[in-house]
Amino acid sequence: MAACDELVAAIAGRYAQGDWAERGRILDEFAAVTGFHRKHAMRLLRTGQVNRRSGPRRGCRVYDEAVREALIVVWEASDRSAASGCRPERLGVASRAGDS
């Protein structure tokens, strides 16, 4: 990815200074070299950045015991046919043998 970062940094200035036709030629070159779609290439060259990643993702959602108990009651009342996010093993609660 470092090579792509360097390529974007090198071409972004030329892209910003070019007229409409020149930008089209630059996009054609950039898309051919990188394999990116033209729309993605436009966005990269306009901002001059490749990696605008946010911080690390949060871990699994942590429920307190009261919420877990309430969800288990709802899950069992619905005959355990709720979405996979409500299963006790996803909540950190041990399930009984044979439950899926």
PDB file of N, CA and C in Angstrom:
ATOM      1  N   MET A   1       0.809  -1.189   0.000  1.00  0.00           N
ATOM      2  CA  MET A   1       0.000   0.000   0.000  1.00  0.00           C
ATOM      3  C   MET A   1       0.856   1.258   0.000  1.00  0.00           C
ATOM      4  N   ALA A   2       2.088   1.149   0.470  1.00  0.00           N
ATOM      5  CA  ALA A   2       2.956   2.319   0.517  1.00  0.00           C
ATOM      6  C   ALA A   2       3.222   2.846  -0.886  1.00  0.00           C
ATOM      7  N   ALA A   3       3.344   1.948  -1.848  1.00  0.00           N
ATOM      8  CA  ALA A   3       3.572   2.378  -3.229  1.00  0.00           C
ATOM      9  C   ALA A   3       2.372   3.156  -3.753  1.00  0.00           C
ATOM     10  N   CYS A   4       1.175   2.720  -3.387  1.00  0.00           N
ATOM     11  CA  CYS A   4      -0.029   3.422  -3.814  1.00  0.00           C
ATOM     12  C   CYS A   4      -0.104   4.799  -3.156  1.00  0.00           C
ATOM     13  N   ASP A   5       0.275   4.880  -1.875  1.00  0.00           N
ATOM     14  CA  ASP A   5       0.295   6.171  -1.181  1.00  0.00           C
ATOM     15  C   ASP A   5       1.235   7.141  -1.881  1.00  0.00           C
ATOM     16  N   GLU A   6       2.407   6.636  -2.254  1.00  0.00           N
ATOM     17  CA  GLU A   6       3.384   7.480  -2.936  1.00  0.00           C
ATOM     18  C   GLU A   6       2.877   7.921  -4.299  1.00  0.00           C
ATOM     19  N   LEU A   7       2.219   7.021  -4.997  1.00  0.00           N
ATOM     20  CA  LEU A   7       1.681   7.347  -6.322  1.00  0.00           C
ATOM     21  C   LEU A   7       0.601   8.417  -6.208  1.00  0.00           C
ATOM     22  N   VAL A   8      -0.286   8.273  -5.249  1.00  0.00           N
ATOM     23  CA  VAL A   8      -1.340   9.279  -5.056  1.00  0.00           C
ATOM     24  C   VAL A   8      -0.722  10.618  -4.698  1.00  0.00           C
ATOM     25  N   ALA A   9       0.257  10.626  -3.816  1.00  0.00           N
ATOM     26  CA  ALA A   9       0.902  11.869  -3.418  1.00  0.00           C
ATOM     27  C   ALA A   9       1.584  12.544  -4.605  1.00  0.00           C
ATOM     28  N   ALA A  10       2.171  11.747  -5.481  1.00  0.00           N
ATOM     29  CA  ALA A  10       2.873  12.316  -6.632  1.00  0.00           C
ATOM     30  C   ALA A  10       1.913  12.870  -7.680  1.00  0.00           C
ATOM     31  N   ILE A  11       0.768  12.235  -7.852  1.00  0.00           N
ATOM     32  CA  ILE A  11      -0.140  12.619  -8.930  1.00  0.00           C
ATOM     33  C   ILE A  11      -1.190  13.630  -8.478  1.00  0.00           C
ATOM     34  N   ALA A  12      -1.498  13.694  -7.190  1.00  0.00           N
ATOM     35  CA  ALA A  12      -2.595  14.541  -6.704  1.00  0.00           C
ATOM     36  C   ALA A  12      -2.381  16.018  -7.034  1.00  0.00           C
ATOM     37  N   GLY A  13      -1.174  16.506  -6.925  1.00  0.00           N
ATOM     38  CA  GLY A  13      -0.900  17.911  -7.257  1.00  0.00           C
ATOM     39  C   GLY A  13      -1.140  18.211  -8.712  1.00  0.00           C
ATOM     40  N   ARG A  14      -0.670  17.321  -9.576  1.00  0.00           N
ATOM     41  CA  ARG A  14      -0.878  17.496 -11.016  1.00  0.00           C
ATOM     42  C   ARG A  14      -2.362  17.427 -11.357  1.00  0.00           C
ATOM     43  N   TYR A  15      -3.084  16.532 -10.658  1.00  0.00           N
ATOM     44  CA  TYR A  15      -4.525  16.387 -10.876  1.00  0.00           C
ATOM     45  C   TYR A  15      -5.259  17.669 -10.459  1.00  0.00           C
ATOM     46  N   ALA A  16      -4.860  18.251  -9.339  1.00  0.00           N
ATOM     47  CA  ALA A  16      -5.513  19.466  -8.847  1.00  0.00           C
ATOM     48  C   ALA A  16      -5.287  20.654  -9.771  1.00  0.00           C
ATOM     49  N   GLN A  17      -4.127  20.722 -10.411  1.00  0.00           N
ATOM     50  CA  GLN A  17      -3.800  21.852 -11.282  1.00  0.00           C
ATOM     51  C   GLN A  17      -4.311  21.689 -12.709  1.00  0.00           C
ATOM     52  N   GLY A  18      -4.674  20.476 -13.080  1.00  0.00           N
ATOM     53  CA  GLY A  18      -5.068  20.222 -14.466  1.00  0.00           C
ATOM     54  C   GLY A  18      -6.468  20.705 -14.792  1.00  0.00           C
ATOM     55  N   ASP A  19      -6.688  20.943 -16.086  1.00  0.00           N
ATOM     56  CA  ASP A  19      -8.039  21.293 -16.534  1.00  0.00           C
ATOM     57  C   ASP A  19      -8.850  20.012 -16.719  1.00  0.00           C
ATOM     58  N   TRP A  20     -10.049  20.152 -17.208  1.00  0.00           N
ATOM     59  CA  TRP A  20     -10.981  19.030 -17.311  1.00  0.00           C
ATOM     60  C   TRP A  20     -10.406  17.891 -18.168  1.00  0.00           C
ATOM     61  N   ALA A  21      -9.845  18.199 -19.324  1.00  0.00           N
ATOM     62  CA  ALA A  21      -9.304  17.175 -20.220  1.00  0.00           C
ATOM     63  C   ALA A  21      -8.064  16.512 -19.606  1.00  0.00           C
ATOM     64  N   GLU A  22      -7.220  17.323 -18.998  1.00  0.00           N
ATOM     65  CA  GLU A  22      -6.010  16.777 -18.368  1.00  0.00           C
ATOM     66  C   GLU A  22      -6.368  15.843 -17.221  1.00  0.00           C
ATOM     67  N   ARG A  23      -7.373  16.216 -16.454  1.00  0.00           N
ATOM     68  CA  ARG A  23      -7.804  15.346 -15.360  1.00  0.00           C
ATOM     69  C   ARG A  23      -8.303  14.005 -15.892  1.00  0.00           C
ATOM     70  N   GLY A  24      -8.981  14.025 -17.003  1.00  0.00           N
ATOM     71  CA  GLY A  24      -9.449  12.782 -17.611  1.00  0.00           C
ATOM     72  C   GLY A  24      -8.292  11.877 -17.996  1.00  0.00           C
ATOM     73  N   ARG A  25      -7.249  12.468 -18.585  1.00  0.00           N
ATOM     74  CA  ARG A  25      -6.074  11.678 -18.961  1.00  0.00           C
ATOM     75  C   ARG A  25      -5.358  11.134 -17.724  1.00  0.00           C
ATOM     76  N   ILE A  26      -5.260  11.965 -16.687  1.00  0.00           N
ATOM     77  CA  ILE A  26      -4.616  11.519 -15.448  1.00  0.00           C
ATOM     78  C   ILE A  26      -5.408  10.372 -14.832  1.00  0.00           C
ATOM     79  N   LEU A  27      -6.733  10.488 -14.829  1.00  0.00           N
ATOM     80  CA  LEU A  27      -7.566   9.415 -14.291  1.00  0.00           C
ATOM     81  C   LEU A  27      -7.391   8.126 -15.081  1.00  0.00           C
ATOM     82  N   ASP A  28      -7.330   8.235 -16.408  1.00  0.00           N
ATOM     83  CA  ASP A  28      -7.118   7.046 -17.234  1.00  0.00           C
ATOM     84  C   ASP A  28      -5.795   6.366 -16.878  1.00  0.00           C
ATOM     85  N   GLU A  29      -4.719   7.160 -16.751  1.00  0.00           N
ATOM     86  CA  GLU A  29      -3.412   6.612 -16.388  1.00  0.00           C
ATOM     87  C   GLU A  29      -3.460   5.945 -15.019  1.00  0.00           C
ATOM     88  N   PHE A  30      -4.006   6.677 -14.050  1.00  0.00           N
ATOM     89  CA  PHE A  30      -4.031   6.197 -12.678  1.00  0.00           C
ATOM     90  C   PHE A  30      -4.855   4.916 -12.558  1.00  0.00           C
ATOM     91  N   ALA A  31      -6.001   4.864 -13.222  1.00  0.00           N
ATOM     92  CA  ALA A  31      -6.850   3.669 -13.176  1.00  0.00           C
ATOM     93  C   ALA A  31      -6.150   2.483 -13.842  1.00  0.00           C
ATOM     94  N   ALA A  32      -5.427   2.743 -14.921  1.00  0.00           N
ATOM     95  CA  ALA A  32      -4.723   1.655 -15.604  1.00  0.00           C
ATOM     96  C   ALA A  32      -3.593   1.101 -14.740  1.00  0.00           C
ATOM     97  N   VAL A  33      -2.886   1.973 -14.054  1.00  0.00           N
ATOM     98  CA  VAL A  33      -1.746   1.543 -13.243  1.00  0.00           C
ATOM     99  C   VAL A  33      -2.203   0.829 -11.969  1.00  0.00           C
ATOM    100  N   THR A  34      -3.205   1.390 -11.294  1.00  0.00           N
ATOM    101  CA  THR A  34      -3.609   0.848 -10.002  1.00  0.00           C
ATOM    102  C   THR A  34      -4.701  -0.205 -10.090  1.00  0.00           C
ATOM    103  N   GLY A  35      -5.507  -0.166 -11.145  1.00  0.00           N
ATOM    104  CA  GLY A  35      -6.631  -1.081 -11.255  1.00  0.00           C
ATOM    105  C   GLY A  35      -7.867  -0.577 -10.520  1.00  0.00           C
ATOM    106  N   PHE A  36      -7.802   0.652  -9.980  1.00  0.00           N
ATOM    107  CA  PHE A  36      -8.947   1.232  -9.290  1.00  0.00           C
ATOM    108  C   PHE A  36     -10.001   1.678 -10.283  1.00  0.00           C
ATOM    109  N   HIS A  37     -11.236   1.712  -9.854  1.00  0.00           N
ATOM    110  CA  HIS A  37     -12.323   2.273 -10.646  1.00  0.00           C
ATOM    111  C   HIS A  37     -12.106   3.783 -10.743  1.00  0.00           C
ATOM    112  N   ARG A  38     -12.570   4.382 -11.824  1.00  0.00           N
ATOM    113  CA  ARG A  38     -12.331   5.814 -12.024  1.00  0.00           C
ATOM    114  C   ARG A  38     -12.921   6.666 -10.908  1.00  0.00           C
ATOM    115  N   LYS A  39     -14.104   6.318 -10.426  1.00  0.00           N
ATOM    116  CA  LYS A  39     -14.721   7.121  -9.368  1.00  0.00           C
ATOM    117  C   LYS A  39     -13.883   7.061  -8.086  1.00  0.00           C
ATOM    118  N   HIS A  40     -13.366   5.888  -7.772  1.00  0.00           N
ATOM    119  CA  HIS A  40     -12.499   5.751  -6.602  1.00  0.00           C
ATOM    120  C   HIS A  40     -11.214   6.557  -6.815  1.00  0.00           C
ATOM    121  N   ALA A  41     -10.684   6.502  -8.013  1.00  0.00           N
ATOM    122  CA  ALA A  41      -9.465   7.255  -8.318  1.00  0.00           C
ATOM    123  C   ALA A  41      -9.713   8.759  -8.177  1.00  0.00           C
ATOM    124  N   MET A  42     -10.873   9.234  -8.637  1.00  0.00           N
ATOM    125  CA  MET A  42     -11.194  10.659  -8.494  1.00  0.00           C
ATOM    126  C   MET A  42     -11.200  11.074  -7.031  1.00  0.00           C
ATOM    127  N   ARG A  43     -11.815  10.259  -6.201  1.00  0.00           N
ATOM    128  CA  ARG A  43     -11.893  10.590  -4.780  1.00  0.00           C
ATOM    129  C   ARG A  43     -10.513  10.593  -4.136  1.00  0.00           C
ATOM    130  N   LEU A  44      -9.689   9.627  -4.496  1.00  0.00           N
ATOM    131  CA  LEU A  44      -8.341   9.580  -3.931  1.00  0.00           C
ATOM    132  C   LEU A  44      -7.523  10.797  -4.353  1.00  0.00           C
ATOM    133  N   LEU A  45      -7.576  11.117  -5.628  1.00  0.00           N
ATOM    134  CA  LEU A  45      -6.755  12.212  -6.130  1.00  0.00           C
ATOM    135  C   LEU A  45      -7.274  13.569  -5.666  1.00  0.00           C
ATOM    136  N   ARG A  46      -8.557  13.682  -5.439  1.00  0.00           N
ATOM    137  CA  ARG A  46      -9.112  14.943  -4.957  1.00  0.00           C
ATOM    138  C   ARG A  46      -8.668  15.214  -3.518  1.00  0.00           C
ATOM    139  N   THR A  47      -8.668  14.185  -2.683  1.00  0.00           N
ATOM    140  CA  THR A  47      -8.269  14.379  -1.293  1.00  0.00           C
ATOM    141  C   THR A  47      -6.767  14.275  -1.109  1.00  0.00           C
ATOM    142  N   GLY A  48      -6.097  13.565  -1.999  1.00  0.00           N
ATOM    143  CA  GLY A  48      -4.657  13.395  -1.881  1.00  0.00           C
ATOM    144  C   GLY A  48      -4.262  12.370  -0.840  1.00  0.00           C
ATOM    145  N   GLN A  49      -5.223  11.577  -0.371  1.00  0.00           N
ATOM    146  CA  GLN A  49      -4.941  10.585   0.659  1.00  0.00           C
ATOM    147  C   GLN A  49      -5.484   9.244   0.217  1.00  0.00           C
ATOM    148  N   VAL A  50      -4.810   8.188   0.616  1.00  0.00           N
ATOM    149  CA  VAL A  50      -5.307   6.848   0.360  1.00  0.00           C
ATOM    150  C   VAL A  50      -5.985   6.313   1.598  1.00  0.00           C
ATOM    151  N   ASN A  51      -5.324   6.412   2.715  1.00  0.00           N
ATOM    152  CA  ASN A  51      -5.808   5.788   3.948  1.00  0.00           C
ATOM    153  C   ASN A  51      -6.408   6.827   4.878  1.00  0.00           C
ATOM    154  N   ARG A  52      -7.723   6.919   4.857  1.00  0.00           N
ATOM    155  CA  ARG A  52      -8.403   7.757   5.837  1.00  0.00           C
ATOM    156  C   ARG A  52      -9.173   6.816   6.742  1.00  0.00           C
ATOM    157  N   ARG A  53      -8.453   5.963   7.414  1.00  0.00           N
ATOM    158  CA  ARG A  53      -9.071   4.966   8.273  1.00  0.00           C
ATOM    159  C   ARG A  53      -9.383   5.580   9.620  1.00  0.00           C
ATOM    160  N   SER A  54     -10.475   5.149  10.191  1.00  0.00           N
ATOM    161  CA  SER A  54     -10.799   5.586  11.538  1.00  0.00           C
ATOM    162  C   SER A  54      -9.994   4.744  12.521  1.00  0.00           C
ATOM    163  N   GLY A  55     -10.169   5.008  13.777  1.00  0.00           N
ATOM    164  CA  GLY A  55      -9.439   4.277  14.802  1.00  0.00           C
ATOM    165  C   GLY A  55      -9.850   2.824  14.839  1.00  0.00           C
ATOM    166  N   PRO A  56      -9.284   2.095  15.757  1.00  0.00           N
ATOM    167  CA  PRO A  56      -9.610   0.669  15.844  1.00  0.00           C
ATOM    168  C   PRO A  56     -11.075   0.472  16.212  1.00  0.00           C
ATOM    169  N   ARG A  57     -11.626  -0.619  15.741  1.00  0.00           N
ATOM    170  CA  ARG A  57     -13.018  -0.918  16.027  1.00  0.00           C
ATOM    171  C   ARG A  57     -13.198  -1.299  17.485  1.00  0.00           C
ATOM    172  N   ARG A  58     -14.374  -1.002  17.963  1.00  0.00           N
ATOM    173  CA  ARG A  58     -14.680  -1.405  19.328  1.00  0.00           C
ATOM    174  C   ARG A  58     -14.845  -2.914  19.368  1.00  0.00           C
ATOM    175  N   GLY A  59     -14.640  -3.471  20.536  1.00  0.00           N
ATOM    176  CA  GLY A  59     -14.833  -4.901  20.716  1.00  0.00           C
ATOM    177  C   GLY A  59     -16.318  -5.234  20.721  1.00  0.00           C
ATOM    178  N   CYS A  60     -16.626  -6.430  21.077  1.00  0.00           N
ATOM    179  CA  CYS A  60     -18.015  -6.847  21.151  1.00  0.00           C
ATOM    180  C   CYS A  60     -18.755  -5.984  22.162  1.00  0.00           C
ATOM    181  N   ARG A  61     -20.019  -5.802  21.908  1.00  0.00           N
ATOM    182  CA  ARG A  61     -20.838  -5.033  22.829  1.00  0.00           C
ATOM    183  C   ARG A  61     -20.971  -5.799  24.134  1.00  0.00           C
ATOM    184  N   VAL A  62     -20.798  -5.109  25.222  1.00  0.00           N
ATOM    185  CA  VAL A  62     -20.853  -5.747  26.526  1.00  0.00           C
ATOM    186  C   VAL A  62     -22.160  -5.333  27.199  1.00  0.00           C
ATOM    187  N   TYR A  63     -22.945  -6.337  27.557  1.00  0.00           N
ATOM    188  CA  TYR A  63     -24.208  -6.092  28.234  1.00  0.00           C
ATOM    189  C   TYR A  63     -24.031  -6.343  29.720  1.00  0.00           C
ATOM    190  N   ASP A  64     -24.734  -5.558  30.536  1.00  0.00           N
ATOM    191  CA  ASP A  64     -24.710  -5.858  31.962  1.00  0.00           C
ATOM    192  C   ASP A  64     -25.670  -7.014  32.235  1.00  0.00           C
ATOM    193  N   GLU A  65     -25.646  -7.521  33.444  1.00  0.00           N
ATOM    194  CA  GLU A  65     -26.402  -8.733  33.770  1.00  0.00           C
ATOM    195  C   GLU A  65     -27.906  -8.536  33.612  1.00  0.00           C
ATOM    196  N   ALA A  66     -28.433  -7.358  33.928  1.00  0.00           N
ATOM    197  CA  ALA A  66     -29.879  -7.108  33.807  1.00  0.00           C
ATOM    198  C   ALA A  66     -30.324  -7.186  32.352  1.00  0.00           C
ATOM    199  N   VAL A  67     -29.537  -6.623  31.456  1.00  0.00           N
ATOM    200  CA  VAL A  67     -29.885  -6.665  30.026  1.00  0.00           C
ATOM    201  C   VAL A  67     -29.784  -8.090  29.509  1.00  0.00           C
ATOM    202  N   ARG A  68     -28.757  -8.813  29.924  1.00  0.00           N
ATOM    203  CA  ARG A  68     -28.625 -10.210  29.503  1.00  0.00           C
ATOM    204  C   ARG A  68     -29.835 -11.028  29.926  1.00  0.00           C
ATOM    205  N   GLU A  69     -30.234 -10.877  31.175  1.00  0.00           N
ATOM    206  CA  GLU A  69     -31.386 -11.638  31.665  1.00  0.00           C
ATOM    207  C   GLU A  69     -32.647 -11.286  30.874  1.00  0.00           C
ATOM    208  N   ALA A  70     -32.864 -10.010  30.598  1.00  0.00           N
ATOM    209  CA  ALA A  70     -34.039  -9.594  29.827  1.00  0.00           C
ATOM    210  C   ALA A  70     -33.999 -10.171  28.417  1.00  0.00           C
ATOM    211  N   LEU A  71     -32.841 -10.154  27.788  1.00  0.00           N
ATOM    212  CA  LEU A  71     -32.732 -10.710  26.444  1.00  0.00           C
ATOM    213  C   LEU A  71     -32.944 -12.219  26.434  1.00  0.00           C
ATOM    214  N   ILE A  72     -32.473 -12.886  27.456  1.00  0.00           N
ATOM    215  CA  ILE A  72     -32.673 -14.336  27.529  1.00  0.00           C
ATOM    216  C   ILE A  72     -34.151 -14.656  27.690  1.00  0.00           C
ATOM    217  N   VAL A  73     -34.853 -13.869  28.498  1.00  0.00           N
ATOM    218  CA  VAL A  73     -36.293 -14.079  28.676  1.00  0.00           C
ATOM    219  C   VAL A  73     -37.015 -13.889  27.348  1.00  0.00           C
ATOM    220  N   VAL A  74     -36.687 -12.824  26.618  1.00  0.00           N
ATOM    221  CA  VAL A  74     -37.321 -12.575  25.313  1.00  0.00           C
ATOM    222  C   VAL A  74     -36.968 -13.683  24.340  1.00  0.00           C
ATOM    223  N   TRP A  75     -35.709 -14.108  24.349  1.00  0.00           N
ATOM    224  CA  TRP A  75     -35.258 -15.147  23.429  1.00  0.00           C
ATOM    225  C   TRP A  75     -35.988 -16.459  23.697  1.00  0.00           C
ATOM    226  N   GLU A  76     -36.131 -16.830  24.976  1.00  0.00           N
ATOM    227  CA  GLU A  76     -36.829 -18.071  25.298  1.00  0.00           C
ATOM    228  C   GLU A  76     -38.324 -17.950  25.036  1.00  0.00           C
ATOM    229  N   ALA A  77     -38.912 -16.770  25.245  1.00  0.00           N
ATOM    230  CA  ALA A  77     -40.333 -16.566  24.988  1.00  0.00           C
ATOM    231  C   ALA A  77     -40.650 -16.664  23.500  1.00  0.00           C
ATOM    232  N   SER A  78     -39.686 -16.335  22.660  1.00  0.00           N
ATOM    233  CA  SER A  78     -39.906 -16.416  21.211  1.00  0.00           C
ATOM    234  C   SER A  78     -39.530 -17.785  20.671  1.00  0.00           C
ATOM    235  N   ASP A  79     -39.462 -18.766  21.560  1.00  0.00           N
ATOM    236  CA  ASP A  79     -39.135 -20.141  21.191  1.00  0.00           C
ATOM    237  C   ASP A  79     -37.753 -20.236  20.545  1.00  0.00           C
ATOM    238  N   ARG A  80     -36.863 -19.393  21.001  1.00  0.00           N
ATOM    239  CA  ARG A  80     -35.465 -19.362  20.554  1.00  0.00           C
ATOM    240  C   ARG A  80     -35.320 -19.178  19.042  1.00  0.00           C
ATOM    241  N   SER A  81     -36.250 -18.452  18.465  1.00  0.00           N
ATOM    242  CA  SER A  81     -36.177 -18.230  17.018  1.00  0.00           C
ATOM    243  C   SER A  81     -35.774 -16.807  16.676  1.00  0.00           C
ATOM    244  N   ALA A  82     -35.222 -16.093  17.650  1.00  0.00           N
ATOM    245  CA  ALA A  82     -34.817 -14.716  17.410  1.00  0.00           C
ATOM    246  C   ALA A  82     -33.542 -14.681  16.570  1.00  0.00           C
ATOM    247  N   ALA A  83     -33.136 -13.492  16.220  1.00  0.00           N
ATOM    248  CA  ALA A  83     -31.933 -13.322  15.416  1.00  0.00           C
ATOM    249  C   ALA A  83     -30.711 -13.863  16.152  1.00  0.00           C
ATOM    250  N   SER A  84     -29.666 -14.149  15.422  1.00  0.00           N
ATOM    251  CA  SER A  84     -28.473 -14.759  16.017  1.00  0.00           C
ATOM    252  C   SER A  84     -27.826 -13.857  17.051  1.00  0.00           C
ATOM    253  N   GLY A  85     -28.067 -12.563  16.988  1.00  0.00           N
ATOM    254  CA  GLY A  85     -27.471 -11.646  17.952  1.00  0.00           C
ATOM    255  C   GLY A  85     -28.031 -11.791  19.346  1.00  0.00           C
ATOM    256  N   CYS A  86     -29.171 -12.475  19.510  1.00  0.00           N
ATOM    257  CA  CYS A  86     -29.794 -12.619  20.827  1.00  0.00           C
ATOM    258  C   CYS A  86     -29.505 -13.965  21.469  1.00  0.00           C
ATOM    259  N   ARG A  87     -28.744 -14.815  20.840  1.00  0.00           N
ATOM    260  CA  ARG A  87     -28.458 -16.115  21.445  1.00  0.00           C
ATOM    261  C   ARG A  87     -27.585 -15.931  22.668  1.00  0.00           C
ATOM    262  N   PRO A  88     -27.814 -16.729  23.706  1.00  0.00           N
ATOM    263  CA  PRO A  88     -27.038 -16.568  24.940  1.00  0.00           C
ATOM    264  C   PRO A  88     -25.535 -16.678  24.744  1.00  0.00           C
ATOM    265  N   GLU A  89     -25.068 -17.530  23.833  1.00  0.00           N
ATOM    266  CA  GLU A  89     -23.617 -17.649  23.652  1.00  0.00           C
ATOM    267  C   GLU A  89     -23.026 -16.368  23.075  1.00  0.00           C
ATOM    268  N   ARG A  90     -23.823 -15.586  22.354  1.00  0.00           N
ATOM    269  CA  ARG A  90     -23.349 -14.305  21.851  1.00  0.00           C
ATOM    270  C   ARG A  90     -23.332 -13.252  22.944  1.00  0.00           C
ATOM    271  N   LEU A  91     -24.089 -13.493  23.995  1.00  0.00           N
ATOM    272  CA  LEU A  91     -24.167 -12.548  25.100  1.00  0.00           C
ATOM    273  C   LEU A  91     -23.175 -12.866  26.203  1.00  0.00           C
ATOM    274  N   GLY A  92     -22.435 -13.938  26.051  1.00  0.00           N
ATOM    275  CA  GLY A  92     -21.476 -14.322  27.065  1.00  0.00           C
ATOM    276  C   GLY A  92     -22.095 -15.167  28.161  1.00  0.00           C
ATOM    277  N   VAL A  93     -23.278 -15.730  27.912  1.00  0.00           N
ATOM    278  CA  VAL A  93     -23.966 -16.560  28.886  1.00  0.00           C
ATOM    279  C   VAL A  93     -23.878 -17.988  28.388  1.00  0.00           C
ATOM    280  N   ALA A  94     -23.529 -18.906  29.261  1.00  0.00           N
ATOM    281  CA  ALA A  94     -23.429 -20.308  28.863  1.00  0.00           C
ATOM    282  C   ALA A  94     -24.797 -20.846  28.503  1.00  0.00           C
ATOM    283  N   SER A  95     -24.883 -21.550  27.407  1.00  0.00           N
ATOM    284  CA  SER A  95     -26.162 -22.131  27.004  1.00  0.00           C
ATOM    285  C   SER A  95     -26.208 -23.598  27.434  1.00  0.00           C
ATOM    286  N   ARG A  96     -27.410 -24.140  27.435  1.00  0.00           N
ATOM    287  CA  ARG A  96     -27.576 -25.539  27.817  1.00  0.00           C
ATOM    288  C   ARG A  96     -27.128 -26.449  26.682  1.00  0.00           C
ATOM    289  N   ALA A  97     -26.783 -27.668  26.993  1.00  0.00           N
ATOM    290  CA  ALA A  97     -26.352 -28.631  25.984  1.00  0.00           C
ATOM    291  C   ALA A  97     -27.491 -28.872  24.997  1.00  0.00           C
ATOM    292  N   GLY A  98     -27.171 -28.911  23.742  1.00  0.00           N
ATOM    293  CA  GLY A  98     -28.153 -29.189  22.710  1.00  0.00           C
ATOM    294  C   GLY A  98     -28.783 -27.930  22.119  1.00  0.00           C
ATOM    295  N   ASP A  99     -28.604 -26.765  22.744  1.00  0.00           N
ATOM    296  CA  ASP A  99     -29.136 -25.535  22.179  1.00  0.00           C
ATOM    297  C   ASP A  99     -28.250 -25.081  21.033  1.00  0.00           C
ATOM    298  N   SER A 100     -28.848 -24.481  20.019  1.00  0.00           N
ATOM    299  CA  SER A 100     -28.047 -23.950  18.929  1.00  0.00           C
ATOM    300  C   SER A 100     -28.343 -22.520  18.673  1.00  0.00           C
TER     301      SER A 100
END
